[in-house]
């Protein structure tokens, strides 16, 4: 392993690796309300067609980041929710940081002015990662939903672009 890291566009052919990483996140119980993965078509329909990136370490997908529109209304076209997932074995290597940096740049190039993230408060690593890149906690949504029969709170973080959507 020569540790060559490449951040590039997610392709439909990456789906099996992306889905496996998502399943790892589901299994932690602190990454998502989802309890099972979806098909490529379901995932593809729920995410913005741009701003989908993967981290490839020595050719293998070890992390991914993507945006989901928060609304179909035109007035919210520049607002999206961030999803970022990493394989367990590479956490702490700075790859999450590289994905977030690349997403911010790509999102601004594509007209997004607000990125938001909804993160379980127990997932302090993800909260810290987002805050490192200008996300701010704007509140905690209490009892946002149930996961395996347990009510869970969600910290709502937000990042406003200094480039897009400014007067």
N, C-alpha and C. Protein backbone atom coordinates (compact mmCIF):
# COMPACT_ATOMS: atom_id res chain seq x y z
N UNK A 1 0.85 -1.18 0.00
CA UNK A 1 0.00 0.00 0.00
C UNK A 1 0.89 1.24 0.00
N UNK A 2 0.67 2.11 -0.98
CA UNK A 2 1.49 3.31 -1.04
C UNK A 2 0.75 4.55 -0.55
N UNK A 3 -0.49 4.37 -0.08
CA UNK A 3 -1.29 5.46 0.51
C UNK A 3 -1.52 6.61 -0.43
N UNK A 4 -1.77 6.31 -1.71
CA UNK A 4 -2.11 7.36 -2.67
C UNK A 4 -3.60 7.68 -2.50
N UNK A 5 -3.88 8.92 -2.12
CA UNK A 5 -5.26 9.36 -1.90
C UNK A 5 -5.71 10.25 -3.04
N UNK A 6 -6.86 9.93 -3.59
CA UNK A 6 -7.46 10.74 -4.65
C UNK A 6 -8.90 11.03 -4.24
N UNK A 7 -9.28 12.30 -4.31
CA UNK A 7 -10.67 12.70 -4.10
C UNK A 7 -11.23 12.98 -5.48
N UNK A 8 -12.27 12.27 -5.87
CA UNK A 8 -12.86 12.53 -7.18
C UNK A 8 -14.35 12.24 -7.18
N UNK A 9 -14.94 12.41 -8.34
CA UNK A 9 -16.39 12.27 -8.51
C UNK A 9 -16.83 10.83 -8.25
N UNK A 10 -17.95 10.70 -7.54
CA UNK A 10 -18.53 9.39 -7.33
C UNK A 10 -19.18 8.93 -8.63
N UNK A 11 -18.92 7.69 -8.99
CA UNK A 11 -19.50 7.09 -10.18
C UNK A 11 -20.51 6.02 -9.76
N UNK A 12 -21.45 5.72 -10.62
CA UNK A 12 -22.41 4.66 -10.29
C UNK A 12 -21.69 3.34 -10.06
N UNK A 13 -20.56 3.15 -10.69
CA UNK A 13 -19.77 1.92 -10.51
C UNK A 13 -19.13 1.84 -9.12
N UNK A 14 -19.13 2.94 -8.38
CA UNK A 14 -18.62 2.95 -7.00
C UNK A 14 -19.65 2.48 -5.99
N UNK A 15 -20.89 2.27 -6.45
CA UNK A 15 -22.00 2.05 -5.54
C UNK A 15 -21.76 0.92 -4.53
N UNK A 16 -21.24 -0.21 -4.94
CA UNK A 16 -21.06 -1.32 -4.00
C UNK A 16 -20.16 -0.91 -2.83
N UNK A 17 -19.07 -0.20 -3.13
CA UNK A 17 -18.16 0.24 -2.07
C UNK A 17 -18.80 1.34 -1.22
N UNK A 18 -19.49 2.28 -1.87
CA UNK A 18 -20.17 3.36 -1.15
C UNK A 18 -21.22 2.76 -0.22
N UNK A 19 -21.99 1.83 -0.72
CA UNK A 19 -23.05 1.21 0.05
C UNK A 19 -22.49 0.42 1.24
N UNK A 20 -21.37 -0.24 1.05
CA UNK A 20 -20.74 -0.99 2.15
C UNK A 20 -20.28 -0.04 3.26
N UNK A 21 -19.76 1.12 2.87
CA UNK A 21 -19.33 2.12 3.86
C UNK A 21 -20.55 2.67 4.59
N UNK A 22 -21.63 2.90 3.87
CA UNK A 22 -22.87 3.38 4.48
C UNK A 22 -23.39 2.35 5.49
N UNK A 23 -23.33 1.08 5.12
CA UNK A 23 -23.76 0.01 6.03
C UNK A 23 -22.94 0.02 7.32
N UNK A 24 -21.64 0.26 7.21
CA UNK A 24 -20.79 0.39 8.41
C UNK A 24 -21.32 1.50 9.31
N UNK A 25 -21.69 2.64 8.70
CA UNK A 25 -22.24 3.75 9.47
C UNK A 25 -23.55 3.38 10.14
N UNK A 26 -24.43 2.71 9.41
CA UNK A 26 -25.70 2.27 9.98
C UNK A 26 -25.46 1.40 11.21
N UNK A 27 -24.51 0.50 11.11
CA UNK A 27 -24.25 -0.45 12.18
C UNK A 27 -23.70 0.19 13.45
N UNK A 28 -23.16 1.41 13.36
CA UNK A 28 -22.68 2.08 14.57
C UNK A 28 -23.84 2.54 15.45
N UNK A 29 -25.00 2.78 14.85
CA UNK A 29 -26.14 3.29 15.59
C UNK A 29 -26.06 4.77 15.89
N UNK A 30 -25.01 5.44 15.42
CA UNK A 30 -24.85 6.87 15.68
C UNK A 30 -24.60 7.70 14.43
N UNK A 31 -24.94 7.15 13.26
CA UNK A 31 -24.66 7.86 12.02
C UNK A 31 -25.91 8.28 11.26
N UNK A 32 -27.00 7.55 11.41
CA UNK A 32 -28.20 7.79 10.61
C UNK A 32 -29.40 7.13 11.26
N UNK A 33 -30.58 7.63 10.93
CA UNK A 33 -31.81 6.98 11.36
C UNK A 33 -32.10 5.74 10.52
N UNK A 34 -31.48 5.63 9.36
CA UNK A 34 -31.70 4.47 8.49
C UNK A 34 -31.24 3.20 9.20
N UNK A 35 -31.94 2.13 8.94
CA UNK A 35 -31.56 0.84 9.52
C UNK A 35 -31.14 -0.16 8.46
N UNK A 36 -31.29 0.23 7.20
CA UNK A 36 -30.81 -0.62 6.11
C UNK A 36 -30.40 0.27 4.95
N UNK A 37 -29.59 -0.27 4.09
CA UNK A 37 -29.13 0.50 2.94
C UNK A 37 -30.21 0.49 1.86
N UNK A 38 -30.02 1.30 0.87
CA UNK A 38 -30.98 1.41 -0.23
C UNK A 38 -30.34 0.88 -1.51
N UNK A 39 -31.11 0.89 -2.56
CA UNK A 39 -30.56 0.55 -3.87
C UNK A 39 -29.88 1.79 -4.45
N UNK A 40 -29.09 1.59 -5.48
CA UNK A 40 -28.47 2.72 -6.17
C UNK A 40 -29.54 3.69 -6.66
N UNK A 41 -30.60 3.18 -7.27
CA UNK A 41 -31.64 4.06 -7.81
C UNK A 41 -32.29 4.90 -6.72
N UNK A 42 -32.57 4.31 -5.57
CA UNK A 42 -33.16 5.06 -4.45
C UNK A 42 -32.18 6.13 -3.95
N UNK A 43 -30.94 5.73 -3.75
CA UNK A 43 -29.93 6.67 -3.25
C UNK A 43 -29.73 7.81 -4.26
N UNK A 44 -29.60 7.44 -5.51
CA UNK A 44 -29.36 8.41 -6.58
C UNK A 44 -30.50 9.44 -6.65
N UNK A 45 -31.74 9.00 -6.50
CA UNK A 45 -32.90 9.90 -6.57
C UNK A 45 -32.93 10.87 -5.39
N UNK A 46 -32.36 10.50 -4.26
CA UNK A 46 -32.42 11.34 -3.07
C UNK A 46 -31.25 12.29 -2.88
N UNK A 47 -30.29 12.24 -3.77
CA UNK A 47 -29.09 13.07 -3.62
C UNK A 47 -28.91 13.98 -4.83
N UNK A 48 -28.34 15.15 -4.58
CA UNK A 48 -28.05 16.10 -5.66
C UNK A 48 -27.16 15.42 -6.69
N UNK A 49 -27.41 15.71 -7.96
CA UNK A 49 -26.64 15.04 -9.01
C UNK A 49 -25.19 15.52 -9.07
N UNK A 50 -24.92 16.69 -8.49
CA UNK A 50 -23.56 17.20 -8.41
C UNK A 50 -23.10 17.10 -6.96
N UNK A 51 -21.85 17.29 -6.74
CA UNK A 51 -21.29 17.31 -5.38
C UNK A 51 -21.35 15.94 -4.71
N UNK A 52 -21.02 14.92 -5.44
CA UNK A 52 -20.89 13.56 -4.92
C UNK A 52 -19.43 13.18 -5.09
N UNK A 53 -18.74 13.00 -4.01
CA UNK A 53 -17.31 12.73 -4.07
C UNK A 53 -16.96 11.46 -3.31
N UNK A 54 -15.90 10.82 -3.74
CA UNK A 54 -15.36 9.68 -3.02
C UNK A 54 -13.88 9.92 -2.75
N UNK A 55 -13.40 9.28 -1.69
CA UNK A 55 -11.97 9.24 -1.39
C UNK A 55 -11.48 7.85 -1.78
N UNK A 56 -10.50 7.82 -2.67
CA UNK A 56 -9.92 6.55 -3.09
C UNK A 56 -8.51 6.46 -2.51
N UNK A 57 -8.29 5.45 -1.74
CA UNK A 57 -6.96 5.20 -1.18
C UNK A 57 -6.44 3.95 -1.86
N UNK A 58 -5.37 4.14 -2.63
CA UNK A 58 -4.81 3.05 -3.43
C UNK A 58 -5.88 2.39 -4.29
N UNK A 59 -6.78 3.21 -4.85
CA UNK A 59 -7.79 2.72 -5.77
C UNK A 59 -9.08 2.22 -5.14
N UNK A 60 -9.11 2.06 -3.82
CA UNK A 60 -10.30 1.58 -3.14
C UNK A 60 -11.06 2.74 -2.52
N UNK A 61 -12.38 2.75 -2.64
CA UNK A 61 -13.20 3.78 -2.02
C UNK A 61 -13.19 3.54 -0.51
N UNK A 62 -12.74 4.56 0.23
CA UNK A 62 -12.66 4.45 1.70
C UNK A 62 -13.53 5.49 2.39
N UNK A 63 -14.16 6.37 1.61
CA UNK A 63 -15.05 7.36 2.16
C UNK A 63 -15.81 8.05 1.06
N UNK A 64 -16.92 8.66 1.44
CA UNK A 64 -17.72 9.39 0.46
C UNK A 64 -18.45 10.54 1.14
N UNK A 65 -18.83 11.51 0.32
CA UNK A 65 -19.58 12.68 0.79
C UNK A 65 -20.52 13.09 -0.33
N UNK A 66 -21.73 13.51 0.05
CA UNK A 66 -22.72 13.89 -0.95
C UNK A 66 -23.71 14.87 -0.34
N UNK A 67 -24.46 15.54 -1.20
CA UNK A 67 -25.48 16.48 -0.78
C UNK A 67 -26.87 15.98 -1.13
N UNK A 68 -27.81 16.27 -0.23
CA UNK A 68 -29.23 16.01 -0.49
C UNK A 68 -29.96 17.34 -0.43
N UNK A 69 -30.76 17.65 -1.43
CA UNK A 69 -31.53 18.89 -1.37
C UNK A 69 -32.47 18.86 -0.16
N UNK A 70 -32.66 20.00 0.49
CA UNK A 70 -33.57 20.02 1.63
C UNK A 70 -35.01 20.28 1.19
N UNK A 71 -35.19 20.74 -0.05
CA UNK A 71 -36.52 21.06 -0.57
C UNK A 71 -36.46 21.07 -2.09
N UNK A 72 -37.61 20.87 -2.70
CA UNK A 72 -37.70 20.98 -4.17
C UNK A 72 -38.04 22.40 -4.60
N UNK A 73 -38.31 23.29 -3.65
CA UNK A 73 -38.64 24.67 -3.98
C UNK A 73 -37.42 25.40 -4.52
N UNK A 74 -37.65 26.19 -5.55
CA UNK A 74 -36.55 26.91 -6.19
C UNK A 74 -35.82 27.83 -5.22
N UNK A 75 -36.55 28.43 -4.28
CA UNK A 75 -35.92 29.36 -3.34
C UNK A 75 -34.89 28.69 -2.44
N UNK A 76 -34.97 27.37 -2.32
CA UNK A 76 -34.01 26.63 -1.49
C UNK A 76 -33.01 25.84 -2.33
N UNK A 77 -32.87 26.19 -3.59
CA UNK A 77 -31.99 25.43 -4.50
C UNK A 77 -30.53 25.41 -4.05
N UNK A 78 -30.11 26.39 -3.28
CA UNK A 78 -28.73 26.47 -2.85
C UNK A 78 -28.50 25.98 -1.42
N UNK A 79 -29.46 25.23 -0.90
CA UNK A 79 -29.35 24.71 0.47
C UNK A 79 -29.42 23.19 0.40
N UNK A 80 -28.46 22.52 1.03
CA UNK A 80 -28.43 21.07 0.98
C UNK A 80 -27.87 20.49 2.27
N UNK A 81 -28.23 19.24 2.51
CA UNK A 81 -27.74 18.52 3.67
C UNK A 81 -26.54 17.65 3.28
N UNK A 82 -25.54 17.66 4.13
CA UNK A 82 -24.30 16.91 3.89
C UNK A 82 -24.40 15.52 4.52
N UNK A 83 -23.96 14.52 3.78
CA UNK A 83 -23.74 13.18 4.32
C UNK A 83 -22.29 12.84 4.07
N UNK A 84 -21.59 12.40 5.11
CA UNK A 84 -20.19 11.99 4.96
C UNK A 84 -19.97 10.71 5.74
N UNK A 85 -19.35 9.74 5.09
CA UNK A 85 -19.12 8.43 5.69
C UNK A 85 -17.71 7.96 5.35
N UNK A 86 -17.08 7.33 6.33
CA UNK A 86 -15.72 6.80 6.17
C UNK A 86 -15.67 5.36 6.66
N UNK A 87 -14.80 4.56 6.06
CA UNK A 87 -14.58 3.23 6.60
C UNK A 87 -13.88 3.37 7.95
N UNK A 88 -14.15 2.44 8.83
CA UNK A 88 -13.56 2.51 10.17
C UNK A 88 -12.04 2.54 10.15
N UNK A 89 -11.44 1.77 9.26
CA UNK A 89 -9.98 1.63 9.31
C UNK A 89 -9.21 2.89 8.92
N UNK A 90 -9.86 3.86 8.31
CA UNK A 90 -9.13 5.08 7.92
C UNK A 90 -9.48 6.29 8.77
N UNK A 91 -10.36 6.12 9.74
CA UNK A 91 -10.73 7.26 10.59
C UNK A 91 -9.49 7.75 11.33
N UNK A 92 -9.36 9.07 11.41
CA UNK A 92 -8.20 9.67 12.06
C UNK A 92 -7.04 9.94 11.13
N UNK A 93 -7.19 9.63 9.84
CA UNK A 93 -6.12 9.84 8.87
C UNK A 93 -6.26 11.17 8.12
N UNK A 94 -7.29 11.95 8.44
CA UNK A 94 -7.49 13.23 7.77
C UNK A 94 -8.27 13.15 6.46
N UNK A 95 -8.75 11.97 6.13
CA UNK A 95 -9.47 11.80 4.86
C UNK A 95 -10.84 12.46 4.93
N UNK A 96 -11.48 12.42 6.09
CA UNK A 96 -12.75 13.12 6.26
C UNK A 96 -12.58 14.61 6.02
N UNK A 97 -11.50 15.16 6.51
CA UNK A 97 -11.21 16.59 6.30
C UNK A 97 -11.04 16.90 4.82
N UNK A 98 -10.34 16.06 4.12
CA UNK A 98 -10.14 16.28 2.69
C UNK A 98 -11.47 16.21 1.92
N UNK A 99 -12.34 15.29 2.33
CA UNK A 99 -13.65 15.20 1.68
C UNK A 99 -14.49 16.45 1.95
N UNK A 100 -14.50 16.91 3.20
CA UNK A 100 -15.30 18.11 3.53
C UNK A 100 -14.76 19.33 2.80
N UNK A 101 -13.44 19.49 2.78
CA UNK A 101 -12.84 20.62 2.05
C UNK A 101 -13.24 20.58 0.58
N UNK A 102 -13.13 19.41 -0.03
CA UNK A 102 -13.46 19.28 -1.46
C UNK A 102 -14.94 19.53 -1.69
N UNK A 103 -15.78 19.07 -0.79
CA UNK A 103 -17.22 19.30 -0.95
C UNK A 103 -17.55 20.78 -0.86
N UNK A 104 -16.96 21.48 0.08
CA UNK A 104 -17.24 22.91 0.21
C UNK A 104 -16.88 23.63 -1.08
N UNK A 105 -15.71 23.35 -1.61
CA UNK A 105 -15.28 23.98 -2.87
C UNK A 105 -16.23 23.63 -4.01
N UNK A 106 -16.54 22.35 -4.15
CA UNK A 106 -17.42 21.89 -5.22
C UNK A 106 -18.83 22.45 -5.07
N UNK A 107 -19.32 22.49 -3.83
CA UNK A 107 -20.68 23.00 -3.61
C UNK A 107 -20.77 24.48 -3.99
N UNK A 108 -19.76 25.26 -3.65
CA UNK A 108 -19.77 26.68 -4.01
C UNK A 108 -19.69 26.87 -5.52
N UNK A 109 -18.91 26.03 -6.19
CA UNK A 109 -18.83 26.10 -7.65
C UNK A 109 -20.17 25.77 -8.30
N UNK A 110 -21.02 25.05 -7.56
CA UNK A 110 -22.32 24.64 -8.08
C UNK A 110 -23.48 25.43 -7.48
N UNK A 111 -23.18 26.57 -6.85
CA UNK A 111 -24.22 27.49 -6.42
C UNK A 111 -24.87 27.23 -5.08
N UNK A 112 -24.27 26.38 -4.24
CA UNK A 112 -24.84 26.14 -2.92
C UNK A 112 -24.33 27.19 -1.94
N UNK A 113 -25.24 27.84 -1.23
CA UNK A 113 -24.87 28.88 -0.28
C UNK A 113 -24.99 28.44 1.17
N UNK A 114 -25.75 27.38 1.43
CA UNK A 114 -25.87 26.87 2.79
C UNK A 114 -25.77 25.36 2.78
N UNK A 115 -24.87 24.86 3.61
CA UNK A 115 -24.77 23.42 3.84
C UNK A 115 -25.21 23.17 5.27
N UNK A 116 -26.00 22.14 5.46
CA UNK A 116 -26.40 21.79 6.81
C UNK A 116 -26.10 20.32 7.06
N UNK A 117 -25.99 20.00 8.32
CA UNK A 117 -25.77 18.61 8.73
C UNK A 117 -26.60 18.35 9.97
N UNK A 118 -27.24 17.21 9.99
CA UNK A 118 -27.98 16.78 11.18
C UNK A 118 -27.23 15.57 11.73
N UNK A 119 -26.69 15.74 12.93
CA UNK A 119 -25.77 14.75 13.49
C UNK A 119 -26.23 14.38 14.89
N UNK A 120 -26.23 13.08 15.19
CA UNK A 120 -26.53 12.67 16.55
C UNK A 120 -25.49 13.28 17.49
N UNK A 121 -25.91 13.89 18.61
CA UNK A 121 -24.95 14.51 19.53
C UNK A 121 -23.87 13.54 20.02
N UNK A 122 -24.17 12.27 20.03
CA UNK A 122 -23.18 11.27 20.45
C UNK A 122 -22.04 11.11 19.45
N UNK A 123 -22.26 11.56 18.23
CA UNK A 123 -21.25 11.43 17.17
C UNK A 123 -20.36 12.67 17.17
N UNK A 124 -19.62 12.83 18.26
CA UNK A 124 -18.81 14.02 18.47
C UNK A 124 -17.71 14.17 17.40
N UNK A 125 -17.20 13.06 16.90
CA UNK A 125 -16.18 13.13 15.85
C UNK A 125 -16.70 13.82 14.61
N UNK A 126 -17.93 13.50 14.21
CA UNK A 126 -18.52 14.14 13.04
C UNK A 126 -18.82 15.61 13.30
N UNK A 127 -19.32 15.92 14.49
CA UNK A 127 -19.57 17.32 14.85
C UNK A 127 -18.27 18.11 14.78
N UNK A 128 -17.21 17.56 15.37
CA UNK A 128 -15.91 18.25 15.35
C UNK A 128 -15.40 18.45 13.93
N UNK A 129 -15.55 17.44 13.09
CA UNK A 129 -15.11 17.54 11.70
C UNK A 129 -15.84 18.69 10.99
N UNK A 130 -17.13 18.76 11.14
CA UNK A 130 -17.90 19.82 10.50
C UNK A 130 -17.50 21.20 11.05
N UNK A 131 -17.36 21.30 12.35
CA UNK A 131 -17.03 22.60 12.96
C UNK A 131 -15.65 23.08 12.52
N UNK A 132 -14.74 22.16 12.25
CA UNK A 132 -13.41 22.50 11.77
C UNK A 132 -13.48 23.29 10.46
N UNK A 133 -14.55 23.09 9.69
CA UNK A 133 -14.70 23.74 8.39
C UNK A 133 -15.83 24.77 8.37
N UNK A 134 -16.07 25.38 9.51
CA UNK A 134 -16.96 26.53 9.57
C UNK A 134 -18.42 26.24 9.84
N UNK A 135 -18.77 25.00 10.06
CA UNK A 135 -20.14 24.70 10.46
C UNK A 135 -20.32 25.14 11.90
N UNK A 136 -21.51 25.64 12.21
CA UNK A 136 -21.85 26.07 13.56
C UNK A 136 -23.08 25.31 14.01
N UNK A 137 -23.11 24.94 15.28
CA UNK A 137 -24.31 24.32 15.83
C UNK A 137 -25.36 25.42 15.98
N UNK A 138 -26.48 25.27 15.30
CA UNK A 138 -27.54 26.26 15.37
C UNK A 138 -28.69 25.80 16.26
N UNK A 139 -28.60 24.58 16.73
CA UNK A 139 -29.62 24.10 17.65
C UNK A 139 -29.59 22.59 17.77
N UNK A 140 -30.39 22.11 18.69
CA UNK A 140 -30.58 20.67 18.86
C UNK A 140 -32.06 20.40 18.68
N UNK A 141 -32.36 19.52 17.77
CA UNK A 141 -33.75 19.13 17.52
C UNK A 141 -34.03 17.92 18.39
N UNK A 142 -34.85 18.13 19.40
CA UNK A 142 -35.12 17.07 20.37
C UNK A 142 -36.15 16.09 19.84
N UNK A 143 -35.90 14.83 20.15
CA UNK A 143 -36.79 13.74 19.73
C UNK A 143 -37.11 13.85 18.24
N UNK A 144 -36.08 14.02 17.45
CA UNK A 144 -36.24 14.19 16.00
C UNK A 144 -36.83 12.94 15.37
N UNK A 145 -36.50 11.79 15.92
CA UNK A 145 -37.02 10.54 15.38
C UNK A 145 -36.62 9.39 16.28
N UNK A 146 -37.18 8.24 15.98
CA UNK A 146 -36.85 7.05 16.74
C UNK A 146 -35.93 6.15 15.93
N UNK A 147 -34.95 5.61 16.60
CA UNK A 147 -34.06 4.62 16.01
C UNK A 147 -34.11 3.40 16.90
N UNK A 148 -34.58 2.30 16.34
CA UNK A 148 -34.73 1.06 17.10
C UNK A 148 -35.55 1.27 18.37
N UNK A 149 -36.62 2.07 18.25
CA UNK A 149 -37.54 2.29 19.35
C UNK A 149 -37.10 3.31 20.38
N UNK A 150 -35.97 3.99 20.15
CA UNK A 150 -35.44 4.97 21.09
C UNK A 150 -35.47 6.35 20.44
N UNK A 151 -36.06 7.34 21.14
CA UNK A 151 -36.06 8.71 20.63
C UNK A 151 -34.64 9.24 20.60
N UNK A 152 -34.29 9.89 19.50
CA UNK A 152 -32.94 10.44 19.36
C UNK A 152 -33.02 11.92 19.04
N UNK A 153 -32.13 12.68 19.66
CA UNK A 153 -31.96 14.09 19.36
C UNK A 153 -30.98 14.22 18.19
N UNK A 154 -31.02 15.35 17.53
CA UNK A 154 -30.11 15.62 16.42
C UNK A 154 -29.59 17.05 16.55
N UNK A 155 -28.27 17.20 16.52
CA UNK A 155 -27.67 18.53 16.47
C UNK A 155 -27.76 19.02 15.03
N UNK A 156 -28.22 20.25 14.86
CA UNK A 156 -28.32 20.85 13.53
C UNK A 156 -27.16 21.81 13.36
N UNK A 157 -26.31 21.53 12.38
CA UNK A 157 -25.17 22.39 12.08
C UNK A 157 -25.38 23.03 10.73
N UNK A 158 -24.78 24.21 10.56
CA UNK A 158 -24.98 24.96 9.33
C UNK A 158 -23.69 25.69 8.97
N UNK A 159 -23.43 25.77 7.68
CA UNK A 159 -22.30 26.53 7.16
C UNK A 159 -22.79 27.40 6.02
N UNK A 160 -22.55 28.70 6.13
CA UNK A 160 -22.91 29.64 5.07
C UNK A 160 -21.67 29.98 4.27
N UNK A 161 -21.84 29.99 2.97
CA UNK A 161 -20.74 30.33 2.07
C UNK A 161 -20.39 31.81 2.20
N UNK A 162 -19.11 32.11 2.09
CA UNK A 162 -18.64 33.49 2.02
C UNK A 162 -18.60 33.98 0.58
N UNK A 163 -18.88 33.07 -0.38
CA UNK A 163 -18.75 33.36 -1.80
C UNK A 163 -20.10 33.38 -2.52
N UNK A 164 -20.95 32.41 -2.20
CA UNK A 164 -22.23 32.24 -2.89
C UNK A 164 -23.35 32.76 -2.00
N UNK A 165 -24.28 33.51 -2.59
CA UNK A 165 -25.44 33.97 -1.85
C UNK A 165 -25.18 35.14 -0.91
N UNK A 166 -24.11 35.86 -1.15
CA UNK A 166 -23.81 37.03 -0.33
C UNK A 166 -24.17 38.29 -1.09
N UNK A 167 -24.51 39.32 -0.37
CA UNK A 167 -24.87 40.59 -1.02
C UNK A 167 -23.66 41.40 -1.38
